[in-house]
C-alpha atoms as a PDB file:
ATOM      1  CA  MET A   1     138.366  68.287  73.779  1.00  0.00           C
ATOM      2  CA  VAL A   2     137.769  71.147  76.220  1.00  0.00           C
ATOM      3  CA  ASP A   3     140.953  71.484  78.419  1.00  0.00           C
ATOM      4  CA  GLU A   4     140.324  70.935  82.434  1.00  0.00           C
ATOM      5  CA  LEU A   5     140.469  74.287  84.498  1.00  0.00           C
ATOM      6  CA  ILE A   6     141.736  73.700  87.632  1.00  0.00           C
ATOM      7  CA  ALA A   7     141.952  76.370  90.276  1.00  0.00           C
ATOM      8  CA  VAL A   8     145.700  77.843  92.674  1.00  0.00           C
ATOM      9  CA  GLU A   9     146.024  80.827  94.221  1.00  0.00           C
ATOM     10  CA  VAL A  10     149.255  82.342  93.451  1.00  0.00           C
ATOM     11  CA  ALA A  11     150.487  84.628  96.688  1.00  0.00           C
ATOM     12  CA  TYR A  12     153.266  87.540  97.389  1.00  0.00           C
ATOM     13  CA  ALA A  13     154.206  89.595 100.623  1.00  0.00           C
ATOM     14  CA  THR A  14     155.685  93.096 101.333  1.00  0.00           C
ATOM     15  CA  PRO A  15     156.064  93.946 105.042  1.00  0.00           C
ATOM     16  CA  GLU A  16     153.343  96.035 104.216  1.00  0.00           C
ATOM     17  CA  ARG A  17     150.797  93.817 102.909  1.00  0.00           C
ATOM     18  CA  GLN A  18     150.120  90.905 101.848  1.00  0.00           C
ATOM     19  CA  VAL A  19     148.438  89.822  98.224  1.00  0.00           C
ATOM     20  CA  LEU A  20     146.925  86.166  97.663  1.00  0.00           C
ATOM     21  CA  ILE A  21     145.286  86.115  94.025  1.00  0.00           C
ATOM     22  CA  PRO A  22     143.384  82.913  92.631  1.00  0.00           C
ATOM     23  CA  VAL A  23     143.481  81.933  89.537  1.00  0.00           C
ATOM     24  CA  SER A  24     142.011  79.891  87.040  1.00  0.00           C
ATOM     25  CA  LEU A  25     143.856  77.824  84.218  1.00  0.00           C
ATOM     26  CA  ALA A  26     144.465  74.279  82.327  1.00  0.00           C
ATOM     27  CA  ALA A  27     145.451  70.961  84.373  1.00  0.00           C
ATOM     28  CA  ASN A  28     149.171  71.002  83.415  1.00  0.00           C
ATOM     29  CA  SER A  29     150.153  74.181  83.781  1.00  0.00           C
ATOM     30  CA  THR A  30     153.787  75.550  85.561  1.00  0.00           C
ATOM     31  CA  VAL A  31     154.248  77.419  88.131  1.00  0.00           C
ATOM     32  CA  GLU A  32     155.469  80.083  86.122  1.00  0.00           C
ATOM     33  CA  GLN A  33     152.660  80.806  84.001  1.00  0.00           C
ATOM     34  CA  ALA A  34     149.389  80.672  86.359  1.00  0.00           C
ATOM     35  CA  ILE A  35     152.522  83.800  88.386  1.00  0.00           C
ATOM     36  CA  GLU A  36     152.257  85.311  84.931  1.00  0.00           C
ATOM     37  CA  VAL A  37     147.985  84.778  84.398  1.00  0.00           C
ATOM     38  CA  SER A  38     147.615  86.074  87.513  1.00  0.00           C
ATOM     39  CA  GLY A  39     148.924  89.677  87.315  1.00  0.00           C
ATOM     40  CA  ILE A  40     151.389  90.246  90.307  1.00  0.00           C
ATOM     41  CA  LEU A  41     154.150  90.974  87.864  1.00  0.00           C
ATOM     42  CA  GLN A  42     152.497  93.930  86.931  1.00  0.00           C
ATOM     43  CA  GLU A  43     151.174  94.575  90.533  1.00  0.00           C
ATOM     44  CA  PHE A  44     154.550  94.637  92.164  1.00  0.00           C
ATOM     45  CA  PRO A  45     157.710  95.351  89.388  1.00  0.00           C
ATOM     46  CA  GLU A  46     160.370  94.749  92.204  1.00  0.00           C
ATOM     47  CA  ILE A  47     159.128  90.260  91.391  1.00  0.00           C
ATOM     48  CA  HIS A  48     162.498  88.731  89.663  1.00  0.00           C
ATOM     49  CA  LEU A  49     161.768  85.607  88.973  1.00  0.00           C
ATOM     50  CA  SER A  50     164.843  84.701  87.839  1.00  0.00           C
ATOM     51  CA  GLN A  51     166.075  85.628  91.149  1.00  0.00           C
ATOM     52  CA  GLN A  52     164.093  85.185  93.769  1.00  0.00           C
ATOM     53  CA  LYS A  53     162.236  81.800  94.864  1.00  0.00           C
ATOM     54  CA  VAL A  54     158.846  80.403  94.568  1.00  0.00           C
ATOM     55  CA  GLY A  55     157.362  77.474  96.086  1.00  0.00           C
ATOM     56  CA  ILE A  56     154.011  75.808  96.655  1.00  0.00           C
ATOM     57  CA  PHE A  57     153.329  75.390 100.266  1.00  0.00           C
ATOM     58  CA  GLY A  58     156.504  76.694 102.179  1.00  0.00           C
ATOM     59  CA  VAL A  59     158.401  73.884  99.304  1.00  0.00           C
ATOM     60  CA  VAL A  60     160.526  75.458  97.058  1.00  0.00           C
ATOM     61  CA  CYS A  61     160.225  74.546  93.605  1.00  0.00           C
ATOM     62  CA  ASN A  62     160.939  75.698  89.807  1.00  0.00           C
ATOM     63  CA  LEU A  63     159.244  77.937  87.522  1.00  0.00           C
ATOM     64  CA  ASP A  64     158.456  74.800  85.595  1.00  0.00           C
ATOM     65  CA  LYS A  65     156.952  72.019  87.838  1.00  0.00           C
ATOM     66  CA  ILE A  66     153.370  71.622  86.984  1.00  0.00           C
ATOM     67  CA  VAL A  67     150.349  73.018  89.301  1.00  0.00           C
ATOM     68  CA  SER A  68     147.650  71.204  90.828  1.00  0.00           C
ATOM     69  CA  SER A  69     144.169  72.001  91.523  1.00  0.00           C
ATOM     70  CA  GLU A  70     144.325  74.192  95.230  1.00  0.00           C
ATOM     71  CA  ASP A  71     147.989  74.367  95.045  1.00  0.00           C
ATOM     72  CA  ARG A  72     149.461  78.036  97.106  1.00  0.00           C
ATOM     73  CA  ILE A  73     152.293  78.622  94.790  1.00  0.00           C
ATOM     74  CA  GLU A  74     154.089  81.497  96.289  1.00  0.00           C
ATOM     75  CA  ILE A  75     157.033  84.279  95.953  1.00  0.00           C
ATOM     76  CA  TYR A  76     159.739  84.649  98.096  1.00  0.00           C
ATOM     77  CA  ARG A  77     161.487  87.795  99.109  1.00  0.00           C
ATOM     78  CA  PRO A  78     165.515  87.342  99.682  1.00  0.00           C
ATOM     79  CA  LEU A  79     165.823  88.022 103.825  1.00  0.00           C
ATOM     80  CA  ARG A  80     167.281  91.072 104.587  1.00  0.00           C
ATOM     81  CA  GLN A  81     169.018  89.193 107.642  1.00  0.00           C
ATOM     82  CA  ASN A  82     169.711  85.526 108.242  1.00  0.00           C
ATOM     83  CA  PRO A  83     167.750  83.975 110.953  1.00  0.00           C
ATOM     84  CA  MET A  84     170.247  82.565 112.849  1.00  0.00           C
ATOM     85  CA  GLU A  85     172.403  86.103 113.413  1.00  0.00           C
ATOM     86  CA  ALA A  86     168.984  87.875 113.984  1.00  0.00           C
ATOM     87  CA  ARG A  87     168.126  85.877 116.965  1.00  0.00           C
ATOM     88  CA  ARG A  88     172.620  85.975 118.011  1.00  0.00           C
ATOM     89  CA  GLY A  89     171.585  89.537 118.087  1.00  0.00           C
ATOM     90  CA  ARG A  90     168.438  89.460 119.806  1.00  0.00           C
ATOM     91  CA  LEU A  91     169.690  87.018 122.619  1.00  0.00           C
ATOM     92  CA  GLN A  92     173.245  89.428 123.206  1.00  0.00           C
ATOM     93  CA  LYS A  93     171.341  92.244 124.087  1.00  0.00           C
END
C-alpha cells in the first residue's frame, strides 16, 4: 500500500525576507518532519527548533502535532521587544 501524500507549506521570515516552501510528505507526518523535509533549517542556520515556537496558521503548536493537507507551518522568531512596551514608547514620544 502506498502512503498518501499531502501538501503543506513551511514559512519563515526575517526582517529582510520571507520564505514559503511547499512540501509533499506522507499523511500522519508531524510539524517537525515537515520542517526537516523543507530544507529550511539548512537555509536558515539561526533557526533552533528547541528554542523557537512553531505554529499552524498563527496557532502555536508542538513539533509532534500531525499536519493536515494545505497547512501552513510557521516558525516564529523571538520578539526583540514586547509589543505592549513598544506601543507605550511610541505613545510617549
